Amino acid sequence: MVRFVGWACSAASACACAVAVGLGACTAPPKDPMAVLSNPRSLSEQQLGAIKGLAAGARPIDKDAAREVRRLVFAPGVALGTRQAAFDLLSEDDRTGLREALETNIVRMDSFEFRRWVLEQIGARGMKDFTAVVVNSWAGAVPVWGPDERGRPEFAALAAMYGPDRVSDALFAVLNESHPTRQAGLRARTWEILIRLDERTALRELVMKSSIRPDDAMLRDIKQLVDDLGILPETREELLWLAKLRANASPGYWKAAGEALRAIPEDRKQGFELRGVPVALAAHKHAPELLSRSREELYDDLMVRLRTRDASKYSANFTGWETGPRRTEVLGLQRDEVRWIDLVACNLALALVDDPAVRARLFDMGDRDQQDRRTEYGGVIRIDDAGNWSVVEVRPRVTGSDLKFEAPQELFDQGYTALFHFHLHAQEYENGGYAGPHMGDFGYANSTRANCLVMTFVRRDTMNVDFYRHGPLVIDLGTVKRP
């Protein structure tokens, strides 16, 4: 015998009771579909029945009904079949509302199965007005869909609508026809996808045209960067970085950057990233001979230097974290992954931590950080006009955890022209289990595209130094002593 405590099976809840005792599912349309849709306790079978009821009633459905059905498309815990029925109804009765909701929320969907299905439907039904939805979905990585851009469901959706050989053309149309300010985010995402599809030559040709509209700040900034430095930005983060530089960097900065990049042989500027500009600037001021050396020369020299610095003796503990099969901090195991500009940056990092004044500053910050249980400490490192190292401490945006540094806007503003972003792991003086960047640090490097350093106390008089950047790529630079 089944006994329901405090729950009477009234006529209104008979369907729920039947489901609860396994007597069957009620998918027939209810008398009041809106009552079911607005009730957060309604079961999926009831929700599906309500959608069927709306579909069988007066069409198109009204605004209140459309709002409730849209909620089912994205709400957690909704059955796949119910979501699909909601999509079908909205695509006929509230197409604009569905499109706008998907443009914002498709990347937040907790069901990749439903997200793939939506993309398949957009392609199969020729919903070209949903092209921005496809672009927004494509902009982010989805590990379960793999790294092959042409194997993604977004590529298939655009191929179905525009033709397999016209996917890039469709993306260029989005880039050219979207509003430069109101749809700036969409254009930046489209640019990044075209880079991932290896359309660099066509993008370079686009920005070199003389017909860029006056209010198109993004393409005008890119054109100026290509003209001045020969660099084509690749990611949304680099586009933001470029916009900040164009708005705030002095003419002297651009002149010095141009001089530094002209000192680099052309073959080493292939695929040059925006993060390489402050590295080239610092090297041009502090160690210009680095810019003329080959990747192999820099690599071999760095390997020799690291042997005397206890490199790879300490590393972060990733027990319980999924970090991939080849996570390493050892330079000798990353010969194919490390880039020329990484090697220049690492040589500069060793030079700066060998400077007694820099070490004194870092150990002073470390001592204060070790005593402060509210936050990690961090900032930026740059080289001034006189060629001297400058360690700029930046206070965190918020405090409350000794295990993270919450970067404030000031750090980003200063970081656009800085050589390194850095922070400390100084929770304890013997902190070797945290020696190196961890998962949050990898996320920061991927989002900012900056060159980063983390300094970790391994003894009271010793810090371990790691260089890291997006990828992630990490190089253990060994230890330095308190001056």
Protein backbone atom coordinates (compact mmCIF):
# COMPACT_ATOMS: atom_id res chain seq x y z
CA MET A 1 0.00 0.00 0.00
CA VAL A 2 1.26 3.46 -0.91
CA ARG A 3 0.52 6.13 1.66
CA PHE A 4 0.89 9.81 0.77
CA VAL A 5 1.68 11.86 3.87
CA GLY A 6 0.36 15.40 3.63
CA TRP A 7 -0.39 15.06 -0.09
CA ALA A 8 -3.95 14.51 -1.17
CA CYS A 9 -4.48 13.30 -4.71
CA SER A 10 -6.88 15.96 -5.84
CA ALA A 11 -8.08 16.19 -9.40
CA ALA A 12 -5.54 18.92 -10.05
CA SER A 13 -2.64 16.73 -8.92
CA ALA A 14 -3.86 13.37 -10.16
CA CYS A 15 -1.36 13.31 -12.98
CA ALA A 16 1.55 13.95 -10.61
CA CYS A 17 0.31 11.23 -8.27
CA ALA A 18 0.09 8.75 -11.11
CA VAL A 19 3.66 9.43 -12.11
CA ALA A 20 4.84 9.21 -8.52
CA VAL A 21 3.47 5.68 -8.05
CA GLY A 22 4.59 4.51 -11.48
CA LEU A 23 1.10 4.11 -12.92
CA GLY A 24 1.98 5.95 -16.15
CA ALA A 25 2.69 9.37 -17.53
CA CYS A 26 0.14 12.07 -18.22
CA THR A 27 1.06 13.73 -21.50
CA ALA A 28 -2.47 14.67 -22.52
CA PRO A 29 -3.03 18.43 -22.71
CA PRO A 30 -4.20 19.86 -19.35
CA LYS A 31 -7.24 22.10 -19.07
CA ASP A 32 -5.08 25.06 -18.05
CA PRO A 33 -1.67 24.88 -19.78
CA MET A 34 -0.53 28.18 -18.29
CA ALA A 35 -1.13 26.94 -14.75
CA VAL A 36 1.13 23.98 -15.46
CA LEU A 37 3.85 26.04 -17.16
CA SER A 38 3.97 28.64 -14.38
CA ASN A 39 4.15 26.02 -11.63
CA PRO A 40 7.81 25.25 -10.82
CA ARG A 41 6.75 21.88 -9.36
CA SER A 42 5.24 20.64 -12.62
CA LEU A 43 6.77 17.44 -13.95
CA SER A 44 8.24 17.11 -17.43
CA GLU A 45 5.29 15.05 -18.62
CA GLN A 46 2.92 17.77 -17.48
CA GLN A 47 5.04 20.46 -19.14
CA LEU A 48 5.05 18.52 -22.40
CA GLY A 49 1.29 18.14 -22.19
CA ALA A 50 0.92 21.87 -21.60
CA ILE A 51 2.98 22.65 -24.70
CA LYS A 52 0.80 20.30 -26.71
CA GLY A 53 -2.24 22.08 -25.33
CA LEU A 54 -0.93 25.46 -26.41
CA ALA A 55 -0.07 24.11 -29.85
CA ALA A 56 -3.60 22.79 -30.24
CA GLY A 57 -5.22 26.04 -29.12
CA ALA A 58 -5.40 29.55 -30.53
CA ARG A 59 -2.29 30.42 -32.55
CA PRO A 60 -0.01 32.21 -32.29
CA ILE A 61 0.35 31.85 -28.54
CA ASP A 62 0.27 35.06 -26.50
CA LYS A 63 3.26 36.81 -24.92
CA ASP A 64 2.77 35.33 -21.46
CA ALA A 65 2.63 31.80 -22.84
CA ALA A 66 5.67 32.43 -25.03
CA ARG A 67 7.62 33.65 -22.01
CA GLU A 68 6.84 30.50 -20.04
CA VAL A 69 7.67 28.23 -22.98
CA ARG A 70 10.99 30.05 -23.51
CA ARG A 71 11.83 29.39 -19.88
CA LEU A 72 11.51 25.65 -20.50
CA VAL A 73 14.09 25.82 -23.29
CA PHE A 74 16.80 26.83 -20.81
CA ALA A 75 15.61 25.87 -17.32
CA PRO A 76 17.63 23.15 -15.56
CA GLY A 77 16.16 19.69 -15.20
CA VAL A 78 13.75 19.86 -18.16
CA ALA A 79 13.47 16.68 -20.23
CA LEU A 80 14.98 16.70 -23.73
CA GLY A 81 11.64 15.99 -25.41
CA THR A 82 10.01 18.88 -23.57
CA ARG A 83 12.78 21.27 -24.63
CA GLN A 84 12.45 20.12 -28.23
CA ALA A 85 8.68 20.63 -28.20
CA ALA A 86 9.19 24.12 -26.74
CA PHE A 87 11.68 24.96 -29.50
CA ASP A 88 9.28 23.72 -32.18
CA LEU A 89 6.40 25.81 -30.85
CA LEU A 90 8.48 28.95 -30.41
CA SER A 91 10.07 28.66 -33.85
CA GLU A 92 6.58 29.09 -35.29
CA ASP A 93 4.89 31.44 -32.81
CA ASP A 94 7.70 33.47 -31.20
CA ARG A 95 10.61 33.22 -33.60
CA THR A 96 12.16 36.57 -32.65
CA GLY A 97 11.92 35.87 -28.93
CA LEU A 98 13.44 32.42 -29.41
CA ARG A 99 16.29 33.81 -31.51
CA GLU A 100 17.12 36.57 -29.04
CA ALA A 101 17.01 34.16 -26.10
CA LEU A 102 19.28 31.68 -27.89
CA GLU A 103 21.76 34.39 -28.90
CA THR A 104 22.31 35.12 -25.22
CA ASN A 105 21.88 31.72 -23.61
CA ILE A 106 23.00 28.99 -26.00
CA VAL A 107 26.51 28.99 -24.52
CA ARG A 108 25.00 28.50 -21.04
CA MET A 109 22.99 25.40 -21.92
CA ASP A 110 23.70 22.58 -19.51
CA SER A 111 22.67 19.94 -22.07
CA PHE A 112 25.14 19.58 -24.95
CA GLU A 113 22.77 17.02 -26.48
CA PHE A 114 20.01 19.61 -26.73
CA ARG A 115 22.44 22.30 -27.90
CA ARG A 116 23.59 20.05 -30.73
CA TRP A 117 19.97 19.30 -31.61
CA VAL A 118 19.15 23.04 -31.76
CA LEU A 119 22.07 23.65 -34.10
CA GLU A 120 21.00 20.74 -36.28
CA GLN A 121 17.47 22.15 -36.49
CA ILE A 122 18.74 25.61 -37.41
CA GLY A 123 20.69 24.09 -40.28
CA ALA A 124 18.04 21.63 -41.43
CA ARG A 125 15.26 24.26 -41.39
CA GLY A 126 17.37 26.91 -43.14
CA MET A 127 16.97 29.38 -40.27
CA LYS A 128 19.45 31.94 -41.61
CA ASP A 129 18.12 34.60 -39.25
CA PHE A 130 19.63 32.42 -36.47
CA THR A 131 23.16 32.70 -37.89
CA ALA A 132 24.26 34.81 -34.91
CA VAL A 133 23.07 32.02 -32.60
CA VAL A 134 25.38 29.62 -34.42
CA VAL A 135 28.30 32.05 -34.20
CA ASN A 136 27.79 32.63 -30.47
CA SER A 137 27.68 28.89 -29.85
CA TRP A 138 30.81 28.32 -31.93
CA ALA A 139 32.85 30.99 -30.15
CA GLY A 140 33.45 28.88 -27.05
CA ALA A 141 35.28 25.61 -26.68
CA VAL A 142 33.19 22.48 -26.08
CA PRO A 143 35.63 19.71 -25.11
CA VAL A 144 33.16 16.90 -25.78
CA TRP A 145 32.90 18.06 -29.41
CA GLY A 146 36.64 17.88 -29.96
CA PRO A 147 39.17 20.34 -31.42
CA ASP A 148 38.30 19.96 -35.13
CA GLU A 149 36.54 23.18 -36.15
CA ARG A 150 35.04 21.60 -39.26
CA GLY A 151 33.68 18.74 -37.19
CA ARG A 152 31.64 21.01 -34.92
CA PRO A 153 27.84 21.10 -35.23
CA GLU A 154 28.04 24.86 -35.83
CA PHE A 155 30.08 24.30 -38.98
CA ALA A 156 27.54 21.71 -40.10
CA ALA A 157 24.66 24.13 -39.44
CA LEU A 158 26.20 26.89 -41.54
CA ALA A 159 27.14 24.38 -44.24
CA ALA A 160 23.52 23.21 -44.40
CA MET A 161 22.23 26.77 -44.76
CA TYR A 162 24.88 28.32 -47.02
CA GLY A 163 26.70 25.39 -48.61
CA PRO A 164 29.78 23.42 -47.48
CA ASP A 165 32.11 25.74 -49.40
CA ARG A 166 30.44 28.95 -48.23
CA VAL A 167 30.83 28.73 -44.45
CA SER A 168 33.64 31.29 -44.36
CA ASP A 169 31.68 33.53 -46.73
CA ALA A 170 28.74 33.45 -44.32
CA LEU A 171 31.03 34.39 -41.43
CA PHE A 172 32.58 37.25 -43.40
CA ALA A 173 29.05 38.49 -44.09
CA VAL A 174 28.38 38.56 -40.33
CA LEU A 175 31.63 40.46 -39.78
CA ASN A 176 30.88 43.01 -42.50
CA GLU A 177 27.15 43.47 -42.00
CA SER A 178 26.85 43.54 -38.19
CA HIS A 179 26.76 46.94 -36.51
CA PRO A 180 30.24 48.06 -35.37
CA THR A 181 29.12 49.16 -31.90
CA ARG A 182 25.82 47.46 -31.06
CA GLN A 183 27.12 44.08 -32.25
CA ALA A 184 30.79 44.50 -31.40
CA GLY A 185 30.86 41.29 -29.37
CA LEU A 186 29.36 39.26 -32.22
CA ARG A 187 31.94 40.67 -34.65
CA ALA A 188 34.82 39.86 -32.29
CA ARG A 189 33.58 36.28 -31.92
CA THR A 190 33.24 35.99 -35.70
CA TRP A 191 36.79 37.28 -36.20
CA GLU A 192 38.15 34.65 -33.81
CA ILE A 193 36.27 31.83 -35.56
CA LEU A 194 37.65 32.92 -38.94
CA ILE A 195 41.16 32.85 -37.47
CA ARG A 196 40.52 29.32 -36.22
CA LEU A 197 39.40 28.40 -39.74
CA ASP A 198 42.77 29.69 -41.01
CA GLU A 199 41.34 32.66 -42.91
CA ARG A 200 44.23 34.96 -41.93
CA THR A 201 45.05 36.00 -45.49
CA ALA A 202 41.47 37.00 -46.24
CA LEU A 203 41.19 38.86 -42.92
CA ARG A 204 44.39 40.76 -43.60
CA GLU A 205 43.07 41.72 -47.05
CA LEU A 206 39.82 42.88 -45.46
CA VAL A 207 41.48 45.27 -43.02
CA MET A 208 43.85 46.65 -45.65
CA LYS A 209 40.92 47.98 -47.68
CA SER A 210 40.55 51.75 -47.77
CA SER A 211 36.76 51.53 -47.41
CA ILE A 212 36.50 50.80 -43.67
CA ARG A 213 33.59 52.84 -42.32
CA PRO A 214 34.50 55.67 -39.91
CA ASP A 215 32.65 54.17 -36.92
CA ASP A 216 34.22 50.71 -37.32
CA ALA A 217 36.74 51.05 -34.50
CA MET A 218 37.62 47.35 -34.47
CA LEU A 219 38.73 47.10 -38.10
CA ARG A 220 40.40 50.51 -37.97
CA ASP A 221 42.41 49.46 -34.90
CA ILE A 222 43.40 46.19 -36.56
CA LYS A 223 44.46 48.01 -39.73
CA GLN A 224 46.64 50.36 -37.70
CA LEU A 225 48.22 47.41 -35.86
CA VAL A 226 48.99 45.66 -39.15
CA ASP A 227 50.39 48.88 -40.63
CA ASP A 228 52.52 49.76 -37.60
CA LEU A 229 53.65 46.37 -36.31
CA GLY A 230 52.60 43.75 -38.86
CA ILE A 231 50.57 41.85 -36.25
CA LEU A 232 47.14 40.34 -36.93
CA PRO A 233 45.25 39.79 -33.65
CA GLU A 234 43.69 36.36 -33.29
CA THR A 235 41.39 36.24 -30.27
CA ARG A 236 38.62 38.28 -28.68
CA GLU A 237 40.97 38.97 -25.78
CA GLU A 238 43.60 40.36 -28.14
CA LEU A 239 40.99 42.56 -29.81
CA LEU A 240 40.07 44.00 -26.40
CA TRP A 241 43.77 44.42 -25.60
CA LEU A 242 44.27 46.23 -28.90
CA ALA A 243 41.31 48.55 -28.28
CA LYS A 244 42.73 49.52 -24.88
CA LEU A 245 46.18 50.13 -26.36
CA ARG A 246 44.82 52.26 -29.19
CA ALA A 247 42.85 54.31 -26.68
CA ASN A 248 45.49 54.72 -23.98
CA ALA A 249 49.04 53.97 -25.17
CA SER A 250 51.17 56.99 -26.01
CA PRO A 251 52.57 57.69 -29.48
CA GLY A 252 55.98 57.02 -27.96
CA TYR A 253 54.88 53.51 -27.04
CA TRP A 254 53.87 52.72 -30.61
CA LYS A 255 57.08 54.21 -31.98
CA ALA A 256 59.21 52.15 -29.58
CA ALA A 257 57.19 49.02 -30.35
CA GLY A 258 57.75 49.50 -34.06
CA GLU A 259 61.50 49.89 -33.54
CA ALA A 260 61.61 46.74 -31.41
CA LEU A 261 59.69 44.64 -33.92
CA ARG A 262 61.82 45.82 -36.81
CA ALA A 263 64.79 44.33 -34.96
CA ILE A 264 63.17 40.88 -35.11
CA PRO A 265 63.88 38.76 -38.23
CA GLU A 266 60.75 38.24 -40.34
CA ASP A 267 60.69 34.46 -39.94
CA ARG A 268 60.27 34.89 -36.16
CA LYS A 269 57.24 37.14 -36.54
CA GLN A 270 55.06 34.47 -38.14
CA GLY A 271 52.00 34.09 -35.91
CA PHE A 272 53.31 36.85 -33.64
CA GLU A 273 50.88 37.56 -30.80
CA LEU A 274 50.05 40.86 -29.17
CA ARG A 275 51.60 39.61 -25.91
CA GLY A 276 54.91 39.57 -27.77
CA VAL A 277 54.98 43.36 -28.08
CA PRO A 278 55.92 44.13 -24.44
CA VAL A 279 58.44 41.26 -24.55
CA ALA A 280 60.09 42.69 -27.67
CA LEU A 281 60.05 46.18 -26.15
CA ALA A 282 61.71 44.99 -22.94
CA ALA A 283 64.31 42.96 -24.80
CA HIS A 284 65.08 45.88 -27.11
CA LYS A 285 65.79 48.05 -24.06
CA HIS A 286 67.43 45.52 -21.72
CA ALA A 287 68.98 42.76 -23.85
CA PRO A 288 68.74 43.54 -27.59
CA GLU A 289 70.94 40.57 -28.47
CA LEU A 290 68.03 38.27 -27.57
CA LEU A 291 66.04 39.52 -30.56
CA SER A 292 68.63 38.37 -33.08
CA ARG A 293 69.05 34.87 -31.68
CA SER A 294 67.28 31.86 -33.17
CA ARG A 295 64.74 29.73 -31.34
CA GLU A 296 67.24 26.86 -31.13
CA GLU A 297 69.96 29.10 -29.69
CA LEU A 298 67.61 30.55 -27.08
CA TYR A 299 66.29 27.11 -26.16
CA ASP A 300 69.73 25.52 -25.73
CA ASP A 301 70.99 28.48 -23.71
CA LEU A 302 67.96 28.44 -21.42
CA MET A 303 68.34 24.70 -20.84
CA VAL A 304 71.92 25.29 -19.66
CA ARG A 305 70.91 28.16 -17.37
CA LEU A 306 68.10 26.19 -15.74
CA ARG A 307 70.38 23.30 -14.74
CA THR A 308 71.98 25.47 -12.06
CA ARG A 309 68.71 26.83 -10.64
CA ASP A 310 66.90 23.74 -9.26
CA ALA A 311 64.40 23.96 -12.12
CA SER A 312 61.64 21.32 -11.93
CA LYS A 313 62.49 20.43 -8.32
CA TYR A 314 59.19 21.89 -7.13
CA SER A 315 55.79 21.74 -8.81
CA ALA A 316 52.13 22.23 -7.96
CA ASN A 317 50.04 19.32 -6.72
CA PHE A 318 47.18 18.53 -9.11
CA THR A 319 45.80 15.49 -7.29
CA GLY A 320 42.08 15.24 -8.02
CA TRP A 321 42.21 17.60 -11.02
CA GLU A 322 41.89 16.64 -14.67
CA THR A 323 44.82 18.40 -16.32
CA GLY A 324 45.36 16.35 -19.48
CA PRO A 325 47.88 13.62 -20.20
CA ARG A 326 50.97 15.80 -20.70
CA ARG A 327 50.88 18.55 -18.09
CA THR A 328 54.49 19.44 -17.32
CA GLU A 329 56.63 22.38 -16.23
CA VAL A 330 59.87 20.90 -17.61
CA LEU A 331 61.30 22.88 -20.52
CA GLY A 332 63.11 19.80 -21.84
CA LEU A 333 59.78 18.05 -22.41
CA GLN A 334 58.24 20.97 -24.32
CA ARG A 335 60.70 21.68 -27.11
CA ASP A 336 57.99 21.50 -29.78
CA GLU A 337 55.43 23.55 -27.83
CA VAL A 338 57.57 26.46 -26.67
CA ARG A 339 57.66 29.47 -29.00
CA TRP A 340 60.47 31.88 -29.78
CA ILE A 341 58.77 34.70 -27.87
CA ASP A 342 58.33 32.41 -24.82
CA LEU A 343 62.07 31.82 -24.74
CA VAL A 344 62.81 35.54 -24.97
CA ALA A 345 60.33 36.16 -22.13
CA CYS A 346 61.91 33.45 -19.96
CA ASN A 347 65.38 34.91 -20.46
CA LEU A 348 64.05 38.31 -19.40
CA ALA A 349 62.34 36.73 -16.38
CA LEU A 350 65.64 35.23 -15.23
CA ALA A 351 67.36 38.58 -15.68
CA LEU A 352 64.81 40.41 -13.58
CA VAL A 353 64.74 37.90 -10.68
CA ASP A 354 68.55 37.96 -10.63
CA ASP A 355 68.40 41.71 -9.95
CA PRO A 356 68.87 42.21 -6.16
CA ALA A 357 66.44 45.15 -6.06
CA VAL A 358 63.72 43.12 -7.76
CA ARG A 359 64.27 40.17 -5.42
CA ALA A 360 64.13 42.46 -2.40
CA ARG A 361 60.80 43.83 -3.61
CA LEU A 362 59.35 40.37 -4.30
CA PHE A 363 60.45 38.92 -0.96
CA ASP A 364 59.05 41.96 0.85
CA MET A 365 55.70 41.39 -0.87
CA GLY A 366 55.97 37.69 -0.07
CA ASP A 367 56.53 38.32 3.64
CA ARG A 368 53.51 40.60 3.80
CA ASP A 369 51.45 38.12 1.78
CA GLN A 370 52.43 35.27 4.11
CA GLN A 371 51.06 37.24 7.07
CA ASP A 372 47.90 38.38 5.26
CA ARG A 373 45.33 35.56 5.26
CA ARG A 374 42.77 37.51 3.24
CA THR A 375 44.30 37.27 -0.24
CA GLU A 376 47.25 36.48 -2.47
CA TYR A 377 49.39 39.42 -3.60
CA GLY A 378 50.22 40.35 -7.18
CA GLY A 379 50.80 43.05 -9.76
CA VAL A 380 52.72 43.72 -12.96
CA ILE A 381 56.38 43.96 -13.92
CA ARG A 382 57.53 46.38 -16.57
CA ILE A 383 60.75 47.98 -17.74
CA ASP A 384 60.94 51.76 -17.55
CA ASP A 385 62.30 54.22 -20.10
CA ALA A 386 65.73 54.04 -18.49
CA GLY A 387 65.84 50.27 -18.88
CA ASN A 388 65.26 49.52 -15.19
CA TRP A 389 62.90 46.85 -13.87
CA SER A 390 59.76 48.13 -12.15
CA VAL A 391 57.67 45.87 -9.89
CA VAL A 392 54.21 47.43 -9.50
CA GLU A 393 52.12 46.01 -6.67
CA VAL A 394 48.36 46.08 -7.30
CA ARG A 395 45.85 45.47 -4.54
CA PRO A 396 43.21 42.78 -5.25
CA ARG A 397 39.69 43.63 -6.33
CA VAL A 398 38.21 41.84 -3.32
CA THR A 399 39.63 39.90 -0.39
CA GLY A 400 38.38 36.87 1.46
CA SER A 401 40.51 33.93 0.33
CA ASP A 402 44.21 33.30 0.90
CA LEU A 403 44.18 30.94 -2.09
CA LYS A 404 43.48 33.40 -4.89
CA PHE A 405 44.24 36.86 -6.22
CA GLU A 406 41.17 38.67 -7.55
CA ALA A 407 42.61 40.87 -10.29
CA PRO A 408 41.16 44.42 -10.24
CA GLN A 409 40.61 46.58 -13.30
CA GLU A 410 43.77 48.52 -12.42
CA LEU A 411 45.85 45.41 -13.06
CA PHE A 412 44.30 44.92 -16.49
CA ASP A 413 44.77 48.60 -17.34
CA GLN A 414 48.44 48.50 -16.33
CA GLY A 415 48.92 45.04 -17.78
CA TYR A 416 48.22 46.02 -21.39
CA THR A 417 51.71 47.53 -21.65
CA ALA A 418 53.45 45.47 -18.93
CA LEU A 419 55.97 42.71 -19.53
CA PHE A 420 54.50 40.28 -16.98
CA HIS A 421 51.42 39.86 -14.83
CA PHE A 422 52.51 38.18 -11.60
CA HIS A 423 51.20 36.90 -8.30
CA LEU A 424 52.58 35.10 -5.25
CA HIS A 425 51.88 31.76 -3.61
CA ALA A 426 52.97 32.66 -0.09
CA GLN A 427 50.45 30.97 2.19
CA GLU A 428 53.35 29.29 4.00
CA TYR A 429 57.12 29.61 3.80
CA GLU A 430 57.37 25.92 2.92
CA ASN A 431 54.79 25.96 0.15
CA GLY A 432 56.37 23.65 -2.43
CA GLY A 433 53.10 21.82 -3.04
CA TYR A 434 51.75 25.03 -4.60
CA ALA A 435 54.88 25.85 -6.63
CA GLY A 436 53.49 26.83 -10.00
CA PRO A 437 50.25 28.00 -11.58
CA HIS A 438 47.05 26.10 -10.84
CA MET A 439 43.67 25.78 -12.55
CA GLY A 440 42.46 29.32 -11.82
CA ASP A 441 45.77 30.70 -13.02
CA PHE A 442 45.45 28.77 -16.29
CA GLY A 443 42.00 30.29 -16.77
CA TYR A 444 43.40 33.77 -16.17
CA ALA A 445 46.20 33.25 -18.70
CA ASN A 446 43.77 31.91 -21.28
CA SER A 447 41.38 34.83 -20.85
CA THR A 448 43.98 37.64 -20.75
CA ARG A 449 46.57 36.13 -23.16
CA ALA A 450 49.21 37.76 -20.94
CA ASN A 451 52.72 36.60 -20.10
CA CYS A 452 52.52 35.55 -16.46
CA LEU A 453 54.83 34.70 -13.56
CA VAL A 454 54.05 33.07 -10.24
CA MET A 455 56.54 33.14 -7.36
CA THR A 456 56.15 30.55 -4.59
CA PHE A 457 57.88 30.31 -1.23
CA VAL A 458 59.56 26.89 -0.92
CA ARG A 459 61.62 28.01 2.09
CA ARG A 460 61.79 31.24 4.04
CA ASP A 461 64.84 32.32 2.03
CA THR A 462 63.88 30.75 -1.32
CA MET A 463 61.20 31.29 -3.96
CA ASN A 464 60.41 29.14 -6.98
CA VAL A 465 59.58 31.00 -10.22
CA ASP A 466 57.32 29.75 -13.03
CA PHE A 467 56.52 31.36 -16.37
CA TYR A 468 53.14 30.52 -17.89
CA ARG A 469 50.83 31.65 -20.65
CA HIS A 470 47.71 30.51 -22.48
CA GLY A 471 47.54 26.92 -23.66
CA PRO A 472 48.52 26.36 -20.94
CA LEU A 473 52.29 26.30 -21.29
CA VAL A 474 54.31 26.39 -18.06
CA ILE A 475 58.10 26.59 -17.71
CA ASP A 476 59.71 26.14 -14.30
CA LEU A 477 62.50 28.72 -14.08
CA GLY A 478 63.96 27.35 -10.86
CA THR A 479 64.61 29.12 -7.59
CA VAL A 480 65.94 32.45 -6.36
CA LYS A 481 67.36 33.37 -2.95
CA ARG A 482 66.39 36.20 -0.63
CA PRO A 483 68.94 39.01 -1.13
